[in-house]
Protein backbone atom coordinates (compact mmCIF):
# COMPACT_ATOMS: atom_id res chain seq x y z
CA THR A 1 -262.06 -46.29 -169.71
CA LEU A 2 -260.80 -48.80 -167.15
CA ARG A 3 -258.17 -46.35 -165.96
CA ILE A 4 -260.77 -43.59 -165.64
CA HIS A 5 -263.00 -46.07 -163.80
CA GLU A 6 -260.11 -46.99 -161.46
CA ILE A 7 -259.34 -43.34 -160.85
CA LEU A 8 -263.00 -42.62 -160.12
CA VAL A 9 -263.24 -45.65 -157.80
CA GLY A 10 -260.03 -44.50 -156.10
CA LEU A 11 -261.47 -41.03 -155.64
CA VAL A 12 -264.69 -42.48 -154.21
CA VAL A 13 -262.65 -44.68 -151.84
CA LEU A 14 -260.58 -41.65 -150.81
CA LYS A 15 -263.76 -39.64 -150.21
CA ILE A 16 -265.23 -42.50 -148.14
CA LEU A 17 -261.99 -42.67 -146.11
CA GLU A 18 -262.07 -38.89 -145.59
CA ILE A 19 -265.69 -39.09 -144.43
CA ARG A 20 -264.88 -41.97 -142.06
CA GLU A 21 -261.85 -40.10 -140.73
CA ALA A 22 -264.01 -37.02 -140.17
CA GLN A 23 -266.56 -39.19 -138.33
CA VAL A 24 -263.81 -40.68 -136.16
CA VAL A 25 -262.51 -37.16 -135.38
CA GLN A 26 -266.05 -36.07 -134.50
CA GLU A 27 -266.54 -39.14 -132.29
CA VAL A 28 -263.22 -38.43 -130.55
CA GLN A 29 -264.31 -34.83 -130.05
CA VAL A 30 -267.65 -36.00 -128.64
CA VAL A 31 -265.81 -38.38 -126.29
CA GLN A 32 -263.55 -35.51 -125.21
CA VAL A 33 -266.56 -33.26 -124.60
CA VAL A 34 -268.22 -36.02 -122.56
CA GLN A 35 -265.00 -36.56 -120.60
CA ASN A 36 -264.66 -32.84 -119.96
CA THR A 37 -268.30 -32.67 -118.89
CA LEU A 38 -267.74 -35.60 -116.53
CA ARG A 39 -264.64 -33.92 -115.10
CA ILE A 40 -266.57 -30.68 -114.60
CA HIS A 41 -269.35 -32.69 -112.95
CA GLU A 42 -266.82 -34.44 -110.69
CA ILE A 43 -265.26 -31.09 -109.78
CA LEU A 44 -268.68 -29.60 -109.02
CA VAL A 45 -269.66 -32.62 -106.93
CA GLY A 46 -266.31 -32.34 -105.13
CA LEU A 47 -266.96 -28.65 -104.43
CA VAL A 48 -270.43 -29.43 -103.12
CA VAL A 49 -269.00 -32.16 -100.87
CA LEU A 50 -266.32 -29.73 -99.63
CA LYS A 51 -268.98 -27.10 -98.92
CA ILE A 52 -271.07 -29.65 -97.02
CA LEU A 53 -267.98 -30.63 -95.00
CA GLU A 54 -267.24 -26.95 -94.30
CA ILE A 55 -270.82 -26.41 -93.13
CA ARG A 56 -270.67 -29.51 -90.91
CA GLU A 57 -267.32 -28.36 -89.52
CA ALA A 58 -268.77 -24.92 -88.81
CA GLN A 59 -271.75 -26.57 -87.06
CA VAL A 60 -269.37 -28.67 -84.95
CA VAL A 61 -267.40 -25.53 -84.03
CA GLN A 62 -270.63 -23.77 -83.08
CA GLU A 63 -271.75 -26.77 -81.02
CA VAL A 64 -268.37 -26.83 -79.25
CA GLN A 65 -268.68 -23.10 -78.57
CA VAL A 66 -272.19 -23.60 -77.17
CA VAL A 67 -270.92 -26.41 -74.95
CA LEU A 68 -268.07 -24.18 -73.73
CA VAL A 69 -270.50 -21.34 -72.99
CA VAL A 70 -272.79 -23.73 -71.11
CA GLN A 71 -269.81 -25.03 -69.11
CA VAL A 72 -268.72 -21.49 -68.25
CA VAL A 73 -272.27 -20.60 -67.20
CA GLN A 74 -272.41 -23.72 -65.01
CA GLU A 75 -269.05 -22.89 -63.46
CA VAL A 76 -270.21 -19.33 -62.74
CA ARG A 77 -273.40 -20.70 -61.16
CA ASN A 78 -271.37 -23.10 -59.03
CA ILE A 79 -269.09 -20.25 -57.93
CA LEU A 80 -272.13 -18.10 -57.08
CA LYS A 81 -273.75 -20.95 -55.14
CA THR A 82 -270.50 -21.55 -53.26
CA HIS A 83 -270.25 -17.82 -52.55
CA GLU A 84 -273.89 -17.80 -51.41
CA ILE A 85 -273.29 -20.77 -49.10
CA LEU A 86 -270.16 -19.13 -47.69
CA THR A 87 -272.06 -15.86 -47.23
CA ASP A 88 -274.86 -17.70 -45.41
CA GLN A 89 -272.29 -19.38 -43.18
CA LYS A 90 -270.67 -16.03 -42.39
CA ILE A 91 -274.07 -14.54 -41.55
CA LEU A 92 -274.75 -17.48 -39.21
CA GLU A 93 -271.32 -17.06 -37.61
CA ILE A 94 -271.96 -13.34 -37.10
CA GLN A 95 -275.39 -14.07 -35.61
CA GLU A 96 -273.88 -16.70 -33.31
CA ALA A 97 -271.17 -14.24 -32.30
CA GLN A 98 -273.84 -11.62 -31.56
CA VAL A 99 -275.71 -14.13 -29.38
CA VAL A 100 -272.50 -15.00 -27.55
CA LEU A 101 -271.75 -11.29 -27.15
CA VAL A 102 -275.25 -10.62 -25.80
CA ASP A 103 -274.87 -13.56 -23.39
CA LEU A 104 -271.51 -12.16 -22.33
CA VAL A 105 -272.97 -8.67 -21.77
CA VAL A 106 -275.85 -10.14 -19.78
CA HIS A 107 -273.37 -12.15 -17.72
CA VAL A 108 -271.18 -9.08 -17.14
CA VAL A 109 -274.22 -7.07 -16.12
CA GLN A 110 -275.26 -9.82 -13.71
CA VAL A 111 -271.76 -9.98 -12.26
CA VAL A 112 -271.65 -6.20 -11.89
CA GLN A 113 -275.03 -6.21 -10.17
CA VAL A 114 -273.85 -8.81 -7.72
């Protein structure tokens, strides 16, 4: 009877150990699942951060392009203003030359009349 009792107690202890081992395995699996979930979360957060950085970089590139376009437009305006000023100066020079020419013709006519 004692031997049977010992065997039964041993079987109960073995069963308890099996149950505890199964619980430990389950806890390890839960920890692994949590770790994997955290890794996935970290990866997703990293991807979101990368996407935000890409968007910001694209915005910076667009802003730089806008600045370049504005600079080109300003340069073109400056060139046109310079051209306009030069054109106005040429017109004035031509008008002055016409006045001088008219004065010269008048003078020649006066000399011829004398």
